[in-house]
N, C-alpha and C. Protein backbone atom coordinates (compact mmCIF):
# COMPACT_ATOMS: atom_id res chain seq x y z
N MET A 1 0.84 -1.18 0.00
CA MET A 1 0.00 0.00 0.00
C MET A 1 0.89 1.25 0.00
N PRO A 2 0.61 2.24 -0.85
CA PRO A 2 1.46 3.42 -0.90
C PRO A 2 1.29 4.30 0.34
N LYS A 3 2.25 5.18 0.51
CA LYS A 3 2.17 6.11 1.62
C LYS A 3 0.99 7.06 1.43
N MET A 4 0.39 7.48 2.55
CA MET A 4 -0.67 8.48 2.49
C MET A 4 -0.04 9.85 2.34
N LYS A 5 -0.67 10.71 1.55
CA LYS A 5 -0.16 12.06 1.38
C LYS A 5 -0.76 12.97 2.44
N THR A 6 0.10 13.82 3.00
CA THR A 6 -0.36 14.84 3.93
C THR A 6 -1.01 15.95 3.13
N LYS A 7 -2.13 16.47 3.62
CA LYS A 7 -2.76 17.63 3.00
C LYS A 7 -1.89 18.84 3.31
N ARG A 8 -1.28 19.41 2.29
CA ARG A 8 -0.29 20.47 2.50
C ARG A 8 -0.92 21.72 3.11
N ALA A 9 -2.16 22.02 2.74
CA ALA A 9 -2.82 23.20 3.32
C ALA A 9 -2.97 23.03 4.83
N ALA A 10 -3.29 21.82 5.26
CA ALA A 10 -3.45 21.57 6.70
C ALA A 10 -2.09 21.61 7.40
N ALA A 11 -1.05 21.11 6.74
CA ALA A 11 0.27 21.10 7.36
C ALA A 11 0.76 22.51 7.61
N LYS A 12 0.34 23.46 6.77
CA LYS A 12 0.76 24.85 6.96
C LYS A 12 -0.04 25.53 8.06
N ARG A 13 -1.22 25.03 8.37
CA ARG A 13 -2.08 25.69 9.35
C ARG A 13 -2.07 25.05 10.72
N PHE A 14 -1.77 23.78 10.81
CA PHE A 14 -1.81 23.07 12.08
C PHE A 14 -0.45 22.47 12.39
N SER A 15 -0.17 22.30 13.68
CA SER A 15 1.01 21.55 14.10
C SER A 15 0.63 20.77 15.35
N LEU A 16 1.38 19.73 15.62
CA LEU A 16 1.07 18.87 16.76
C LEU A 16 2.01 19.15 17.91
N THR A 17 1.47 19.10 19.13
CA THR A 17 2.29 19.25 20.32
C THR A 17 2.86 17.88 20.67
N ALA A 18 3.71 17.85 21.68
CA ALA A 18 4.34 16.59 22.09
C ALA A 18 3.30 15.60 22.61
N ASN A 19 2.21 16.11 23.18
CA ASN A 19 1.17 15.23 23.72
C ASN A 19 0.13 14.84 22.68
N GLY A 20 0.29 15.30 21.43
CA GLY A 20 -0.64 14.93 20.38
C GLY A 20 -1.80 15.89 20.19
N LYS A 21 -1.80 17.01 20.90
CA LYS A 21 -2.84 18.01 20.68
C LYS A 21 -2.53 18.78 19.41
N VAL A 22 -3.56 19.39 18.83
CA VAL A 22 -3.39 20.10 17.57
C VAL A 22 -3.43 21.60 17.84
N LYS A 23 -2.32 22.28 17.47
CA LYS A 23 -2.20 23.72 17.65
C LYS A 23 -2.59 24.43 16.37
N HIS A 24 -3.15 25.63 16.50
CA HIS A 24 -3.48 26.45 15.33
C HIS A 24 -3.34 27.91 15.69
N LYS A 25 -3.19 28.74 14.68
CA LYS A 25 -3.14 30.19 14.90
C LYS A 25 -4.57 30.71 14.93
N LYS A 26 -4.84 31.62 15.85
CA LYS A 26 -6.19 32.16 15.97
C LYS A 26 -6.48 33.15 14.85
N MET A 27 -7.75 33.25 14.49
CA MET A 27 -8.15 34.13 13.39
C MET A 27 -8.39 35.55 13.92
N ASN A 28 -8.64 36.47 13.00
CA ASN A 28 -8.99 37.87 13.29
C ASN A 28 -7.81 38.72 13.75
N LEU A 29 -6.61 38.44 13.27
CA LEU A 29 -5.48 39.27 13.64
C LEU A 29 -4.69 39.68 12.38
N ARG A 30 -5.37 39.83 11.25
CA ARG A 30 -4.68 40.15 10.00
C ARG A 30 -4.83 41.61 9.59
N HIS A 31 -6.04 42.14 9.62
CA HIS A 31 -6.25 43.53 9.19
C HIS A 31 -7.46 44.08 9.91
N ILE A 32 -7.69 45.38 9.74
CA ILE A 32 -8.75 46.11 10.45
C ILE A 32 -8.60 45.89 11.96
N LEU A 33 -7.41 46.19 12.47
CA LEU A 33 -7.12 45.95 13.88
C LEU A 33 -7.44 47.15 14.75
N THR A 34 -7.77 48.29 14.14
CA THR A 34 -8.00 49.49 14.94
C THR A 34 -9.23 49.38 15.81
N LYS A 35 -10.21 48.60 15.38
CA LYS A 35 -11.44 48.50 16.16
C LYS A 35 -11.36 47.44 17.26
N ARG A 36 -10.29 46.66 17.29
CA ARG A 36 -10.16 45.63 18.32
C ARG A 36 -9.38 46.18 19.52
N SER A 37 -9.77 45.76 20.68
CA SER A 37 -9.12 46.26 21.88
C SER A 37 -7.72 45.63 22.01
N PRO A 38 -6.82 46.32 22.70
CA PRO A 38 -5.47 45.76 22.90
C PRO A 38 -5.50 44.41 23.62
N LYS A 39 -6.43 44.27 24.54
CA LYS A 39 -6.54 43.01 25.28
C LYS A 39 -6.90 41.86 24.34
N ARG A 40 -7.85 42.12 23.46
CA ARG A 40 -8.28 41.07 22.51
C ARG A 40 -7.13 40.71 21.57
N LYS A 41 -6.42 41.71 21.06
CA LYS A 41 -5.31 41.44 20.16
C LYS A 41 -4.20 40.67 20.86
N MET A 42 -3.98 40.98 22.13
CA MET A 42 -2.95 40.28 22.90
C MET A 42 -3.30 38.80 23.03
N HIS A 43 -4.56 38.51 23.31
CA HIS A 43 -4.97 37.11 23.46
C HIS A 43 -4.99 36.36 22.14
N LEU A 44 -5.21 37.07 21.05
CA LEU A 44 -5.23 36.41 19.74
C LEU A 44 -3.83 36.02 19.26
N ARG A 45 -2.79 36.61 19.86
CA ARG A 45 -1.42 36.29 19.43
C ARG A 45 -1.02 34.87 19.79
N HIS A 46 -1.57 34.35 20.85
CA HIS A 46 -1.16 33.03 21.32
C HIS A 46 -1.85 31.93 20.52
N ALA A 47 -1.20 30.79 20.43
CA ALA A 47 -1.76 29.67 19.67
C ALA A 47 -2.99 29.11 20.37
N GLY A 48 -3.90 28.57 19.58
CA GLY A 48 -5.08 27.92 20.13
C GLY A 48 -4.94 26.42 20.03
N ILE A 49 -5.72 25.71 20.80
CA ILE A 49 -5.74 24.24 20.77
C ILE A 49 -7.10 23.81 20.26
N LEU A 50 -7.10 22.92 19.28
CA LEU A 50 -8.38 22.44 18.74
C LEU A 50 -9.09 21.56 19.75
N SER A 51 -10.41 21.54 19.67
CA SER A 51 -11.18 20.64 20.51
C SER A 51 -10.88 19.20 20.09
N GLU A 52 -11.12 18.27 20.96
CA GLU A 52 -10.73 16.88 20.69
C GLU A 52 -11.49 16.30 19.50
N ASP A 53 -12.73 16.73 19.27
CA ASP A 53 -13.49 16.24 18.11
C ASP A 53 -12.80 16.65 16.81
N SER A 54 -12.52 17.94 16.70
CA SER A 54 -11.88 18.44 15.49
C SER A 54 -10.46 17.92 15.36
N ALA A 55 -9.76 17.78 16.48
CA ALA A 55 -8.37 17.33 16.45
C ALA A 55 -8.27 15.92 15.90
N ALA A 56 -9.23 15.07 16.24
CA ALA A 56 -9.20 13.69 15.75
C ALA A 56 -9.29 13.67 14.23
N THR A 57 -10.15 14.50 13.66
CA THR A 57 -10.29 14.57 12.21
C THR A 57 -9.01 15.07 11.56
N VAL A 58 -8.42 16.10 12.12
CA VAL A 58 -7.20 16.66 11.55
C VAL A 58 -6.07 15.65 11.60
N ARG A 59 -5.91 14.99 12.74
CA ARG A 59 -4.83 14.01 12.88
C ARG A 59 -5.00 12.84 11.92
N LYS A 60 -6.22 12.36 11.76
CA LYS A 60 -6.46 11.15 10.98
C LYS A 60 -6.43 11.41 9.48
N GLN A 61 -7.14 12.45 9.02
CA GLN A 61 -7.30 12.67 7.59
C GLN A 61 -6.29 13.63 6.99
N LEU A 62 -5.96 14.68 7.71
CA LEU A 62 -5.15 15.73 7.12
C LEU A 62 -3.66 15.57 7.41
N LEU A 63 -3.34 15.09 8.60
CA LEU A 63 -1.93 14.93 8.99
C LEU A 63 -1.70 13.47 9.39
N PRO A 64 -1.75 12.54 8.46
CA PRO A 64 -1.71 11.12 8.84
C PRO A 64 -0.42 10.69 9.54
N TYR A 65 0.69 11.35 9.23
CA TYR A 65 1.95 10.95 9.85
C TYR A 65 2.42 11.94 10.89
N GLY A 66 1.54 12.80 11.34
CA GLY A 66 1.91 13.83 12.32
C GLY A 66 1.93 13.28 13.72
């Protein structure tokens, strides 16, 4: 059986932690930042962790060897 291909778009957006959780960058920090409060922008800088339901899909289908 041939190797499974990783979905390249997913590989650029998600990464796995040492414990197998799926990290992602939070949205809404690209443009039109003047209307957002400094506190909100500060919290958006940090990586987010996917919920376990979504993480299972990403690990299985999009990042098979991650």
